[in-house]
Amino acid sequence: MAMRLRRALRLGRKKAEPAAWLVVGLGNPGEQYSRNRHNTGIWTVNELARRLGVKLKAEGRSIRIGYGEIAGERVALVRPRTYVNESGRAVDQALRACGAELEQTIVIYDELDLPLG
């Protein structure tokens, strides 16, 4: 019975219009990292959300997501709830949640040119 009810509720949901762009701001969770430059991506997404009046809401365990509009395009703003080195899981969840394609994804982070190691 409960399984049928869950399925009926899931089938009754309207699928949201896919986002034209997915903007992901990488960083590390936790107060101890909040002022660290590695959170440049989080700061940027927070500022975009503030300017657009978008509220980021938890979706699953890995992301906070909110939707807004920039230049007439639907945009999904995402703040992963994972550490930077585990962010692939969060980006995958965000892509599935908002319906965007990988080619429509902008990832904001720091230290682009540091060598591995």
PDB file of N, CA and C in Angstrom:
ATOM      1  N   MET A   1       0.820  -1.200   0.000  1.00  0.00           N
ATOM      2  CA  MET A   1       0.000   0.000   0.000  1.00  0.00           C
ATOM      3  C   MET A   1       0.862   1.262   0.000  1.00  0.00           C
ATOM      4  N   ALA A   2       1.822   1.321   0.926  1.00  0.00           N
ATOM      5  CA  ALA A   2       2.680   2.503   1.021  1.00  0.00           C
ATOM      6  C   ALA A   2       3.481   2.698  -0.256  1.00  0.00           C
ATOM      7  N   MET A   3       3.939   1.587  -0.851  1.00  0.00           N
ATOM      8  CA  MET A   3       4.716   1.682  -2.077  1.00  0.00           C
ATOM      9  C   MET A   3       3.861   2.232  -3.216  1.00  0.00           C
ATOM     10  N   ARG A   4       2.615   1.801  -3.307  1.00  0.00           N
ATOM     11  CA  ARG A   4       1.717   2.317  -4.344  1.00  0.00           C
ATOM     12  C   ARG A   4       1.449   3.804  -4.153  1.00  0.00           C
ATOM     13  N   LEU A   5       1.311   4.222  -2.910  1.00  0.00           N
ATOM     14  CA  LEU A   5       1.073   5.634  -2.621  1.00  0.00           C
ATOM     15  C   LEU A   5       2.276   6.473  -3.030  1.00  0.00           C
ATOM     16  N   ARG A   6       3.495   6.015  -2.678  1.00  0.00           N
ATOM     17  CA  ARG A   6       4.710   6.749  -3.067  1.00  0.00           C
ATOM     18  C   ARG A   6       4.811   6.854  -4.584  1.00  0.00           C
ATOM     19  N   ARG A   7       4.526   5.755  -5.279  1.00  0.00           N
ATOM     20  CA  ARG A   7       4.597   5.756  -6.741  1.00  0.00           C
ATOM     21  C   ARG A   7       3.568   6.717  -7.333  1.00  0.00           C
ATOM     22  N   ALA A   8       2.374   6.722  -6.808  1.00  0.00           N
ATOM     23  CA  ALA A   8       1.326   7.621  -7.298  1.00  0.00           C
ATOM     24  C   ALA A   8       1.719   9.072  -7.085  1.00  0.00           C
ATOM     25  N   LEU A   9       2.300   9.362  -5.951  1.00  0.00           N
ATOM     26  CA  LEU A   9       2.740  10.735  -5.686  1.00  0.00           C
ATOM     27  C   LEU A   9       3.848  11.138  -6.645  1.00  0.00           C
ATOM     28  N   ARG A  10       4.782  10.228  -6.893  1.00  0.00           N
ATOM     29  CA  ARG A  10       5.890  10.512  -7.799  1.00  0.00           C
ATOM     30  C   ARG A  10       5.371  10.742  -9.216  1.00  0.00           C
ATOM     31  N   LEU A  11       4.441   9.919  -9.665  1.00  0.00           N
ATOM     32  CA  LEU A  11       3.889  10.057 -11.013  1.00  0.00           C
ATOM     33  C   LEU A  11       3.058  11.320 -11.163  1.00  0.00           C
ATOM     34  N   GLY A  12       2.475  11.792 -10.077  1.00  0.00           N
ATOM     35  CA  GLY A  12       1.642  12.978 -10.122  1.00  0.00           C
ATOM     36  C   GLY A  12       2.412  14.285 -10.153  1.00  0.00           C
ATOM     37  N   ARG A  13       3.712  14.210  -9.859  1.00  0.00           N
ATOM     38  CA  ARG A  13       4.513  15.436  -9.856  1.00  0.00           C
ATOM     39  C   ARG A  13       4.727  15.939 -11.271  1.00  0.00           C
ATOM     40  N   LYS A  14       4.652  17.243 -11.425  1.00  0.00           N
ATOM     41  CA  LYS A  14       4.971  17.842 -12.714  1.00  0.00           C
ATOM     42  C   LYS A  14       6.478  18.040 -12.770  1.00  0.00           C
ATOM     43  N   LYS A  15       7.067  17.650 -13.873  1.00  0.00           N
ATOM     44  CA  LYS A  15       8.502  17.829 -14.059  1.00  0.00           C
ATOM     45  C   LYS A  15       8.754  19.298 -14.378  1.00  0.00           C
ATOM     46  N   ALA A  16       9.678  19.897 -13.641  1.00  0.00           N
ATOM     47  CA  ALA A  16      10.001  21.307 -13.850  1.00  0.00           C
ATOM     48  C   ALA A  16      10.699  21.491 -15.193  1.00  0.00           C
ATOM     49  N   GLU A  17      10.550  22.675 -15.731  1.00  0.00           N
ATOM     50  CA  GLU A  17      11.246  23.023 -16.965  1.00  0.00           C
ATOM     51  C   GLU A  17      12.751  22.922 -16.728  1.00  0.00           C
ATOM     52  N   PRO A  18      13.496  22.284 -17.632  1.00  0.00           N
ATOM     53  CA  PRO A  18      14.941  22.160 -17.429  1.00  0.00           C
ATOM     54  C   PRO A  18      15.613  23.528 -17.401  1.00  0.00           C
ATOM     55  N   ALA A  19      16.681  23.618 -16.645  1.00  0.00           N
ATOM     56  CA  ALA A  19      17.450  24.859 -16.579  1.00  0.00           C
ATOM     57  C   ALA A  19      18.307  24.984 -17.832  1.00  0.00           C
ATOM     58  N   ALA A  20      18.422  26.203 -18.346  1.00  0.00           N
ATOM     59  CA  ALA A  20      19.296  26.453 -19.489  1.00  0.00           C
ATOM     60  C   ALA A  20      20.754  26.394 -19.056  1.00  0.00           C
ATOM     61  N   TRP A  21      21.011  26.762 -17.800  1.00  0.00           N
ATOM     62  CA  TRP A  21      22.368  26.776 -17.252  1.00  0.00           C
ATOM     63  C   TRP A  21      22.358  26.250 -15.829  1.00  0.00           C
ATOM     64  N   LEU A  22      23.429  25.543 -15.494  1.00  0.00           N
ATOM     65  CA  LEU A  22      23.675  25.081 -14.133  1.00  0.00           C
ATOM     66  C   LEU A  22      24.943  25.771 -13.661  1.00  0.00           C
ATOM     67  N   VAL A  23      24.864  26.520 -12.579  1.00  0.00           N
ATOM     68  CA  VAL A  23      26.029  27.204 -12.007  1.00  0.00           C
ATOM     69  C   VAL A  23      26.324  26.555 -10.665  1.00  0.00           C
ATOM     70  N   VAL A  24      27.502  25.936 -10.564  1.00  0.00           N
ATOM     71  CA  VAL A  24      27.911  25.220  -9.355  1.00  0.00           C
ATOM     72  C   VAL A  24      29.083  25.956  -8.724  1.00  0.00           C
ATOM     73  N   GLY A  25      28.957  26.288  -7.451  1.00  0.00           N
ATOM     74  CA  GLY A  25      30.035  26.946  -6.716  1.00  0.00           C
ATOM     75  C   GLY A  25      30.696  25.976  -5.766  1.00  0.00           C
ATOM     76  N   LEU A  26      31.933  25.579  -6.078  1.00  0.00           N
ATOM     77  CA  LEU A  26      32.631  24.609  -5.235  1.00  0.00           C
ATOM     78  C   LEU A  26      33.222  25.263  -3.993  1.00  0.00           C
ATOM     79  N   GLY A  27      33.371  24.461  -2.965  1.00  0.00           N
ATOM     80  CA  GLY A  27      33.959  24.893  -1.699  1.00  0.00           C
ATOM     81  C   GLY A  27      33.861  23.754  -0.716  1.00  0.00           C
ATOM     82  N   ASN A  28      34.329  23.993   0.481  1.00  0.00           N
ATOM     83  CA  ASN A  28      34.265  22.980   1.534  1.00  0.00           C
ATOM     84  C   ASN A  28      33.221  23.372   2.562  1.00  0.00           C
ATOM     85  N   PRO A  29      32.407  22.412   3.010  1.00  0.00           N
ATOM     86  CA  PRO A  29      31.375  22.721   4.005  1.00  0.00           C
ATOM     87  C   PRO A  29      31.986  22.912   5.393  1.00  0.00           C
ATOM     88  N   GLY A  30      31.278  23.627   6.222  1.00  0.00           N
ATOM     89  CA  GLY A  30      31.699  23.783   7.612  1.00  0.00           C
ATOM     90  C   GLY A  30      32.184  25.182   7.920  1.00  0.00           C
ATOM     91  N   GLU A  31      31.888  25.623   9.124  1.00  0.00           N
ATOM     92  CA  GLU A  31      32.265  26.967   9.573  1.00  0.00           C
ATOM     93  C   GLU A  31      33.775  27.177   9.522  1.00  0.00           C
ATOM     94  N   GLN A  32      34.554  26.130   9.810  1.00  0.00           N
ATOM     95  CA  GLN A  32      36.010  26.271   9.835  1.00  0.00           C
ATOM     96  C   GLN A  32      36.589  26.633   8.473  1.00  0.00           C
ATOM     97  N   TYR A  33      35.849  26.406   7.394  1.00  0.00           N
ATOM     98  CA  TYR A  33      36.318  26.732   6.045  1.00  0.00           C
ATOM     99  C   TYR A  33      35.631  27.961   5.455  1.00  0.00           C
ATOM    100  N   SER A  34      34.693  28.545   6.155  1.00  0.00           N
ATOM    101  CA  SER A  34      33.839  29.582   5.571  1.00  0.00           C
ATOM    102  C   SER A  34      34.602  30.802   5.064  1.00  0.00           C
ATOM    103  N   ARG A  35      35.719  31.135   5.658  1.00  0.00           N
ATOM    104  CA  ARG A  35      36.488  32.305   5.217  1.00  0.00           C
ATOM    105  C   ARG A  35      37.712  31.919   4.383  1.00  0.00           C
ATOM    106  N   ASN A  36      37.829  30.664   4.020  1.00  0.00           N
ATOM    107  CA  ASN A  36      38.962  30.169   3.257  1.00  0.00           C
ATOM    108  C   ASN A  36      38.754  30.459   1.776  1.00  0.00           C
ATOM    109  N   ARG A  37      39.818  30.846   1.089  1.00  0.00           N
ATOM    110  CA  ARG A  37      39.688  31.193  -0.337  1.00  0.00           C
ATOM    111  C   ARG A  37      39.205  30.024  -1.183  1.00  0.00           C
ATOM    112  N   HIS A  38      39.358  28.792  -0.688  1.00  0.00           N
ATOM    113  CA  HIS A  38      38.862  27.631  -1.432  1.00  0.00           C
ATOM    114  C   HIS A  38      37.344  27.677  -1.586  1.00  0.00           C
ATOM    115  N   ASN A  39      36.683  28.548  -0.861  1.00  0.00           N
ATOM    116  CA  ASN A  39      35.224  28.666  -0.940  1.00  0.00           C
ATOM    117  C   ASN A  39      34.777  29.774  -1.889  1.00  0.00           C
ATOM    118  N   THR A  40      35.653  30.191  -2.778  1.00  0.00           N
ATOM    119  CA  THR A  40      35.308  31.219  -3.762  1.00  0.00           C
ATOM    120  C   THR A  40      34.031  30.860  -4.526  1.00  0.00           C
ATOM    121  N   GLY A  41      33.887  29.613  -4.907  1.00  0.00           N
ATOM    122  CA  GLY A  41      32.691  29.178  -5.638  1.00  0.00           C
ATOM    123  C   GLY A  41      31.425  29.330  -4.817  1.00  0.00           C
ATOM    124  N   ILE A  42      31.496  28.956  -3.539  1.00  0.00           N
ATOM    125  CA  ILE A  42      30.343  29.099  -2.648  1.00  0.00           C
ATOM    126  C   ILE A  42      29.983  30.567  -2.483  1.00  0.00           C
ATOM    127  N   TRP A  43      31.003  31.412  -2.283  1.00  0.00           N
ATOM    128  CA  TRP A  43      30.736  32.853  -2.121  1.00  0.00           C
ATOM    129  C   TRP A  43      30.028  33.401  -3.359  1.00  0.00           C
ATOM    130  N   THR A  44      30.499  32.986  -4.543  1.00  0.00           N
ATOM    131  CA  THR A  44      29.928  33.492  -5.794  1.00  0.00           C
ATOM    132  C   THR A  44      28.471  33.060  -5.954  1.00  0.00           C
ATOM    133  N   VAL A  45      28.177  31.794  -5.704  1.00  0.00           N
ATOM    134  CA  VAL A  45      26.795  31.313  -5.818  1.00  0.00           C
ATOM    135  C   VAL A  45      25.907  31.995  -4.780  1.00  0.00           C
ATOM    136  N   ASN A  46      26.414  32.178  -3.568  1.00  0.00           N
ATOM    137  CA  ASN A  46      25.632  32.888  -2.543  1.00  0.00           C
ATOM    138  C   ASN A  46      25.302  34.308  -2.987  1.00  0.00           C
ATOM    139  N   GLU A  47      26.274  34.991  -3.585  1.00  0.00           N
ATOM    140  CA  GLU A  47      26.040  36.371  -4.040  1.00  0.00           C
ATOM    141  C   GLU A  47      25.051  36.403  -5.210  1.00  0.00           C
ATOM    142  N   LEU A  48      25.187  35.483  -6.151  1.00  0.00           N
ATOM    143  CA  LEU A  48      24.215  35.405  -7.254  1.00  0.00           C
ATOM    144  C   LEU A  48      22.814  35.150  -6.712  1.00  0.00           C
ATOM    145  N   ALA A  49      22.700  34.229  -5.767  1.00  0.00           N
ATOM    146  CA  ALA A  49      21.394  33.921  -5.173  1.00  0.00           C
ATOM    147  C   ALA A  49      20.817  35.154  -4.491  1.00  0.00           C
ATOM    148  N   ARG A  50      21.660  35.886  -3.778  1.00  0.00           N
ATOM    149  CA  ARG A  50      21.191  37.101  -3.094  1.00  0.00           C
ATOM    150  C   ARG A  50      20.674  38.115  -4.107  1.00  0.00           C
ATOM    151  N   ARG A  51      21.460  38.358  -5.152  1.00  0.00           N
ATOM    152  CA  ARG A  51      21.076  39.363  -6.156  1.00  0.00           C
ATOM    153  C   ARG A  51      19.825  38.969  -6.935  1.00  0.00           C
ATOM    154  N   LEU A  52      19.635  37.678  -7.151  1.00  0.00           N
ATOM    155  CA  LEU A  52      18.476  37.206  -7.917  1.00  0.00           C
ATOM    156  C   LEU A  52      17.269  36.900  -7.037  1.00  0.00           C
ATOM    157  N   GLY A  53      17.446  36.981  -5.726  1.00  0.00           N
ATOM    158  CA  GLY A  53      16.354  36.654  -4.813  1.00  0.00           C
ATOM    159  C   GLY A  53      16.022  35.170  -4.802  1.00  0.00           C
ATOM    160  N   VAL A  54      17.030  34.341  -4.965  1.00  0.00           N
ATOM    161  CA  VAL A  54      16.857  32.890  -5.021  1.00  0.00           C
ATOM    162  C   VAL A  54      17.196  32.281  -3.667  1.00  0.00           C
ATOM    163  N   LYS A  55      16.332  31.395  -3.196  1.00  0.00           N
ATOM    164  CA  LYS A  55      16.595  30.670  -1.955  1.00  0.00           C
ATOM    165  C   LYS A  55      17.098  29.276  -2.317  1.00  0.00           C
ATOM    166  N   LEU A  56      18.267  28.920  -1.789  1.00  0.00           N
ATOM    167  CA  LEU A  56      18.827  27.594  -2.030  1.00  0.00           C
ATOM    168  C   LEU A  56      18.248  26.622  -1.009  1.00  0.00           C
ATOM    169  N   LYS A  57      17.695  25.520  -1.511  1.00  0.00           N
ATOM    170  CA  LYS A  57      17.059  24.530  -0.634  1.00  0.00           C
ATOM    171  C   LYS A  57      17.778  23.193  -0.760  1.00  0.00           C
ATOM    172  N   ALA A  58      17.833  22.468   0.344  1.00  0.00           N
ATOM    173  CA  ALA A  58      18.472  21.150   0.332  1.00  0.00           C
ATOM    174  C   ALA A  58      17.708  20.212  -0.593  1.00  0.00           C
ATOM    175  N   GLU A  59      18.461  19.504  -1.403  1.00  0.00           N
ATOM    176  CA  GLU A  59      17.887  18.456  -2.258  1.00  0.00           C
ATOM    177  C   GLU A  59      18.787  17.235  -2.083  1.00  0.00           C
ATOM    178  N   GLY A  60      18.278  16.238  -1.447  1.00  0.00           N
ATOM    179  CA  GLY A  60      19.102  15.069  -1.143  1.00  0.00           C
ATOM    180  C   GLY A  60      20.182  15.435  -0.134  1.00  0.00           C
ATOM    181  N   ARG A  61      21.213  14.620  -0.099  1.00  0.00           N
ATOM    182  CA  ARG A  61      22.296  14.863   0.865  1.00  0.00           C
ATOM    183  C   ARG A  61      23.420  15.712   0.312  1.00  0.00           C
ATOM    184  N   SER A  62      23.512  15.824  -1.012  1.00  0.00           N
ATOM    185  CA  SER A  62      24.714  16.395  -1.611  1.00  0.00           C
ATOM    186  C   SER A  62      24.635  17.843  -2.050  1.00  0.00           C
ATOM    187  N   ILE A  63      23.433  18.405  -2.234  1.00  0.00           N
ATOM    188  CA  ILE A  63      23.374  19.765  -2.788  1.00  0.00           C
ATOM    189  C   ILE A  63      22.305  20.627  -2.126  1.00  0.00           C
ATOM    190  N   ARG A  64      22.502  21.933  -2.295  1.00  0.00           N
ATOM    191  CA  ARG A  64      21.474  22.945  -2.060  1.00  0.00           C
ATOM    192  C   ARG A  64      21.276  23.584  -3.431  1.00  0.00           C
ATOM    193  N   ILE A  65      20.023  23.737  -3.857  1.00  0.00           N
ATOM    194  CA  ILE A  65      19.742  24.209  -5.213  1.00  0.00           C
ATOM    195  C   ILE A  65      18.610  25.231  -5.195  1.00  0.00           C
ATOM    196  N   GLY A  66      18.696  26.190  -6.092  1.00  0.00           N
ATOM    197  CA  GLY A  66      17.644  27.176  -6.257  1.00  0.00           C
ATOM    198  C   GLY A  66      17.607  27.628  -7.707  1.00  0.00           C
ATOM    199  N   TYR A  67      16.467  28.157  -8.130  1.00  0.00           N
ATOM    200  CA  TYR A  67      16.280  28.533  -9.533  1.00  0.00           C
ATOM    201  C   TYR A  67      15.985  30.016  -9.656  1.00  0.00           C
ATOM    202  N   GLY A  68      16.562  30.615 -10.679  1.00  0.00           N
ATOM    203  CA  GLY A  68      16.326  32.016 -10.967  1.00  0.00           C
ATOM    204  C   GLY A  68      16.403  32.240 -12.464  1.00  0.00           C
ATOM    205  N   GLU A  69      16.452  33.496 -12.836  1.00  0.00           N
ATOM    206  CA  GLU A  69      16.499  33.841 -14.250  1.00  0.00           C
ATOM    207  C   GLU A  69      17.566  34.900 -14.476  1.00  0.00           C
ATOM    208  N   ILE A  70      18.394  34.670 -15.487  1.00  0.00           N
ATOM    209  CA  ILE A  70      19.409  35.638 -15.900  1.00  0.00           C
ATOM    210  C   ILE A  70      19.234  35.840 -17.399  1.00  0.00           C
ATOM    211  N   ALA A  71      19.027  37.072 -17.818  1.00  0.00           N
ATOM    212  CA  ALA A  71      18.853  37.421 -19.231  1.00  0.00           C
ATOM    213  C   ALA A  71      17.801  36.535 -19.906  1.00  0.00           C
ATOM    214  N   GLY A  72      16.707  36.277 -19.196  1.00  0.00           N
ATOM    215  CA  GLY A  72      15.614  35.502 -19.754  1.00  0.00           C
ATOM    216  C   GLY A  72      15.832  33.999 -19.781  1.00  0.00           C
ATOM    217  N   GLU A  73      16.932  33.528 -19.235  1.00  0.00           N
ATOM    218  CA  GLU A  73      17.244  32.092 -19.213  1.00  0.00           C
ATOM    219  C   GLU A  73      17.066  31.540 -17.806  1.00  0.00           C
ATOM    220  N   ARG A  74      16.451  30.366 -17.685  1.00  0.00           N
ATOM    221  CA  ARG A  74      16.301  29.701 -16.380  1.00  0.00           C
ATOM    222  C   ARG A  74      17.670  29.158 -15.950  1.00  0.00           C
ATOM    223  N   VAL A  75      18.075  29.517 -14.740  1.00  0.00           N
ATOM    224  CA  VAL A  75      19.387  29.146 -14.212  1.00  0.00           C
ATOM    225  C   VAL A  75      19.211  28.412 -12.890  1.00  0.00           C
ATOM    226  N   ALA A  76      19.931  27.304 -12.733  1.00  0.00           N
ATOM    227  CA  ALA A  76      19.965  26.582 -11.459  1.00  0.00           C
ATOM    228  C   ALA A  76      21.263  26.947 -10.751  1.00  0.00           C
ATOM    229  N   LEU A  77      21.151  27.455  -9.539  1.00  0.00           N
ATOM    230  CA  LEU A  77      22.322  27.767  -8.719  1.00  0.00           C
ATOM    231  C   LEU A  77      22.497  26.635  -7.717  1.00  0.00           C
ATOM    232  N   VAL A  78      23.713  26.116  -7.615  1.00  0.00           N
ATOM    233  CA  VAL A  78      23.960  24.959  -6.755  1.00  0.00           C
ATOM    234  C   VAL A  78      25.173  25.186  -5.872  1.00  0.00           C
ATOM    235  N   ARG A  79      24.976  24.827  -4.626  1.00  0.00           N
ATOM    236  CA  ARG A  79      26.063  24.813  -3.646  1.00  0.00           C
ATOM    237  C   ARG A  79      26.175  23.375  -3.135  1.00  0.00           C
ATOM    238  N   PRO A  80      27.248  22.662  -3.527  1.00  0.00           N
ATOM    239  CA  PRO A  80      27.411  21.296  -3.033  1.00  0.00           C
ATOM    240  C   PRO A  80      27.562  21.272  -1.512  1.00  0.00           C
ATOM    241  N   ARG A  81      27.133  20.171  -0.926  1.00  0.00           N
ATOM    242  CA  ARG A  81      27.294  19.969   0.512  1.00  0.00           C
ATOM    243  C   ARG A  81      28.399  18.946   0.758  1.00  0.00           C
ATOM    244  N   THR A  82      29.284  18.809  -0.229  1.00  0.00           N
ATOM    245  CA  THR A  82      30.400  17.872  -0.160  1.00  0.00           C
ATOM    246  C   THR A  82      31.706  18.654  -0.168  1.00  0.00           C
ATOM    247  N   TYR A  83      32.790  17.994   0.204  1.00  0.00           N
ATOM    248  CA  TYR A  83      34.112  18.607   0.080  1.00  0.00           C
ATOM    249  C   TYR A  83      34.469  18.681  -1.398  1.00  0.00           C
ATOM    250  N   VAL A  84      35.371  19.608  -1.733  1.00  0.00           N
ATOM    251  CA  VAL A  84      35.730  19.843  -3.129  1.00  0.00           C
ATOM    252  C   VAL A  84      36.157  18.545  -3.817  1.00  0.00           C
ATOM    253  N   ASN A  85      36.981  17.743  -3.144  1.00  0.00           N
ATOM    254  CA  ASN A  85      37.476  16.522  -3.790  1.00  0.00           C
ATOM    255  C   ASN A  85      36.399  15.446  -3.946  1.00  0.00           C
ATOM    256  N   GLU A  86      35.197  15.689  -3.449  1.00  0.00           N
ATOM    257  CA  GLU A  86      34.071  14.760  -3.617  1.00  0.00           C
ATOM    258  C   GLU A  86      32.920  15.411  -4.388  1.00  0.00           C
ATOM    259  N   SER A  87      33.207  16.502  -5.078  1.00  0.00           N
ATOM    260  CA  SER A  87      32.142  17.298  -5.690  1.00  0.00           C
ATOM    261  C   SER A  87      31.528  16.669  -6.936  1.00  0.00           C
ATOM    262  N   GLY A  88      32.173  15.693  -7.535  1.00  0.00           N
ATOM    263  CA  GLY A  88      31.608  15.045  -8.720  1.00  0.00           C
ATOM    264  C   GLY A  88      30.235  14.454  -8.450  1.00  0.00           C
ATOM    265  N   ARG A  89      30.076  13.849  -7.295  1.00  0.00           N
ATOM    266  CA  ARG A  89      28.784  13.265  -6.901  1.00  0.00           C
ATOM    267  C   ARG A  89      27.710  14.355  -6.829  1.00  0.00           C
ATOM    268  N   ALA A  90      28.077  15.516  -6.267  1.00  0.00           N
ATOM    269  CA  ALA A  90      27.120  16.617  -6.134  1.00  0.00           C
ATOM    270  C   ALA A  90      26.751  17.201  -7.496  1.00  0.00           C
ATOM    271  N   VAL A  91      27.734  17.352  -8.374  1.00  0.00           N
ATOM    272  CA  VAL A  91      27.453  17.888  -9.709  1.00  0.00           C
ATOM    273  C   VAL A  91      26.545  16.921 -10.474  1.00  0.00           C
ATOM    274  N   ASP A  92      26.792  15.634 -10.361  1.00  0.00           N
ATOM    275  CA  ASP A  92      25.927  14.639 -11.004  1.00  0.00           C
ATOM    276  C   ASP A  92      24.492  14.761 -10.493  1.00  0.00           C
ATOM    277  N   GLN A  93      24.327  14.888  -9.188  1.00  0.00           N
ATOM    278  CA  GLN A  93      22.983  15.035  -8.615  1.00  0.00           C
ATOM    279  C   GLN A  93      22.327  16.319  -9.110  1.00  0.00           C
ATOM    280  N   ALA A  94      23.102  17.402  -9.192  1.00  0.00           N
ATOM    281  CA  ALA A  94      22.563  18.686  -9.654  1.00  0.00           C
ATOM    282  C   ALA A  94      22.101  18.599 -11.107  1.00  0.00           C
ATOM    283  N   LEU A  95      22.887  17.945 -11.949  1.00  0.00           N
ATOM    284  CA  LEU A  95      22.501  17.784 -13.355  1.00  0.00           C
ATOM    285  C   LEU A  95      21.178  17.039 -13.473  1.00  0.00           C
ATOM    286  N   ARG A  96      21.023  15.981 -12.701  1.00  0.00           N
ATOM    287  CA  ARG A  96      19.771  15.215 -12.732  1.00  0.00           C
ATOM    288  C   ARG A  96      18.608  16.035 -12.179  1.00  0.00           C
ATOM    289  N   ALA A  97      18.874  16.830 -11.145  1.00  0.00           N
ATOM    290  CA  ALA A  97      17.803  17.605 -10.506  1.00  0.00           C
ATOM    291  C   ALA A  97      17.270  18.710 -11.406  1.00  0.00           C
ATOM    292  N   CYS A  98      18.159  19.373 -12.137  1.00  0.00           N
ATOM    293  CA  CYS A  98      17.711  20.549 -12.895  1.00  0.00           C
ATOM    294  C   CYS A  98      17.488  20.277 -14.374  1.00  0.00           C
ATOM    295  N   GLY A  99      17.903  19.113 -14.866  1.00  0.00           N
ATOM    296  CA  GLY A  99      17.663  18.774 -16.260  1.00  0.00           C
ATOM    297  C   GLY A  99      18.624  19.403 -17.246  1.00  0.00           C
ATOM    298  N   ALA A 100      19.678  20.046 -16.764  1.00  0.00           N
ATOM    299  CA  ALA A 100      20.675  20.643 -17.656  1.00  0.00           C
ATOM    300  C   ALA A 100      21.624  19.558 -18.159  1.00  0.00           C
ATOM    301  N   GLU A 101      22.344  19.870 -19.201  1.00  0.00           N
ATOM    302  CA  GLU A 101      23.367  18.976 -19.742  1.00  0.00           C
ATOM    303  C   GLU A 101      24.731  19.438 -19.242  1.00  0.00           C
ATOM    304  N   LEU A 102      25.715  18.556 -19.322  1.00  0.00           N
ATOM    305  CA  LEU A 102      27.067  18.888 -18.876  1.00  0.00           C
ATOM    306  C   LEU A 102      27.603  20.124 -19.605  1.00  0.00           C
ATOM    307  N   GLU A 103      27.272  20.250 -20.881  1.00  0.00           N
ATOM    308  CA  GLU A 103      27.732  21.391 -21.687  1.00  0.00           C
ATOM    309  C   GLU A 103      27.122  22.710 -21.221  1.00  0.00           C
ATOM    310  N   GLN A 104      26.082  22.642 -20.420  1.00  0.00           N
ATOM    311  CA  GLN A 104      25.405  23.842 -19.913  1.00  0.00           C
ATOM    312  C   GLN A 104      25.819  24.143 -18.469  1.00  0.00           C
ATOM    313  N   THR A 105      26.929  23.572 -18.033  1.00  0.00           N
ATOM    314  CA  THR A 105      27.355  23.677 -16.642  1.00  0.00           C
ATOM    315  C   THR A 105      28.542  24.616 -16.504  1.00  0.00           C
ATOM    316  N   ILE A 106      28.437  25.530 -15.552  1.00  0.00           N
ATOM    317  CA  ILE A 106      29.530  26.442 -15.203  1.00  0.00           C
ATOM    318  C   ILE A 106      29.937  26.107 -13.779  1.00  0.00           C
ATOM    319  N   VAL A 107      31.212  25.755 -13.591  1.00  0.00           N
ATOM    320  CA  VAL A 107      31.725  25.410 -12.264  1.00  0.00           C
ATOM    321  C   VAL A 107      32.672  26.513 -11.820  1.00  0.00           C
ATOM    322  N   ILE A 108      32.407  27.078 -10.643  1.00  0.00           N
ATOM    323  CA  ILE A 108      33.223  28.169 -10.108  1.00  0.00           C
ATOM    324  C   ILE A 108      34.062  27.617  -8.964  1.00  0.00           C
ATOM    325  N   TYR A 109      35.378  27.775  -9.089  1.00  0.00           N
ATOM    326  CA  TYR A 109      36.299  27.275  -8.064  1.00  0.00           C
ATOM    327  C   TYR A 109      37.600  28.056  -8.129  1.00  0.00           C
ATOM    328  N   ASP A 110      38.517  27.798  -7.189  1.00  0.00           N
ATOM    329  CA  ASP A 110      39.803  28.497  -7.178  1.00  0.00           C
ATOM    330  C   ASP A 110      40.922  27.543  -7.596  1.00  0.00           C
ATOM    331  N   GLU A 111      42.098  28.078  -7.744  1.00  0.00           N
ATOM    332  CA  GLU A 111      43.335  27.338  -8.001  1.00  0.00           C
ATOM    333  C   GLU A 111      43.314  26.497  -9.269  1.00  0.00           C
ATOM    334  N   LEU A 112      42.899  27.093 -10.329  1.00  0.00           N
ATOM    335  CA  LEU A 112      42.822  26.406 -11.609  1.00  0.00           C
ATOM    336  C   LEU A 112      44.178  25.889 -12.079  1.00  0.00           C
ATOM    337  N   ASP A 113      45.249  26.633 -11.836  1.00  0.00           N
ATOM    338  CA  ASP A 113      46.536  26.313 -12.441  1.00  0.00           C
ATOM    339  C   ASP A 113      47.532  25.625 -11.519  1.00  0.00           C
ATOM    340  N   LEU A 114      47.103  25.084 -10.396  1.00  0.00           N
ATOM    341  CA  LEU A 114      48.033  24.379  -9.520  1.00  0.00           C
ATOM    342  C   LEU A 114      48.299  22.980 -10.060  1.00  0.00           C
ATOM    343  N   PRO A 115      49.564  22.530 -10.000  1.00  0.00           N
ATOM    344  CA  PRO A 115      49.859  21.166 -10.445  1.00  0.00           C
ATOM    345  C   PRO A 115      49.288  20.136  -9.473  1.00  0.00           C
ATOM    346  N   LEU A 116      49.073  18.926  -9.965  1.00  0.00           N
ATOM    347  CA  LEU A 116      48.606  17.842  -9.100  1.00  0.00           C
ATOM    348  C   LEU A 116      49.690  17.485  -8.089  1.00  0.00           C
ATOM    349  N   GLY A 117      49.254  17.047  -6.935  1.00  0.00           N
ATOM    350  CA  GLY A 117      50.245  16.557  -5.956  1.00  0.00           C
ATOM    351  C   GLY A 117      50.167  17.171  -4.618  1.00  0.00           C
TER     352      GLY A 117
END
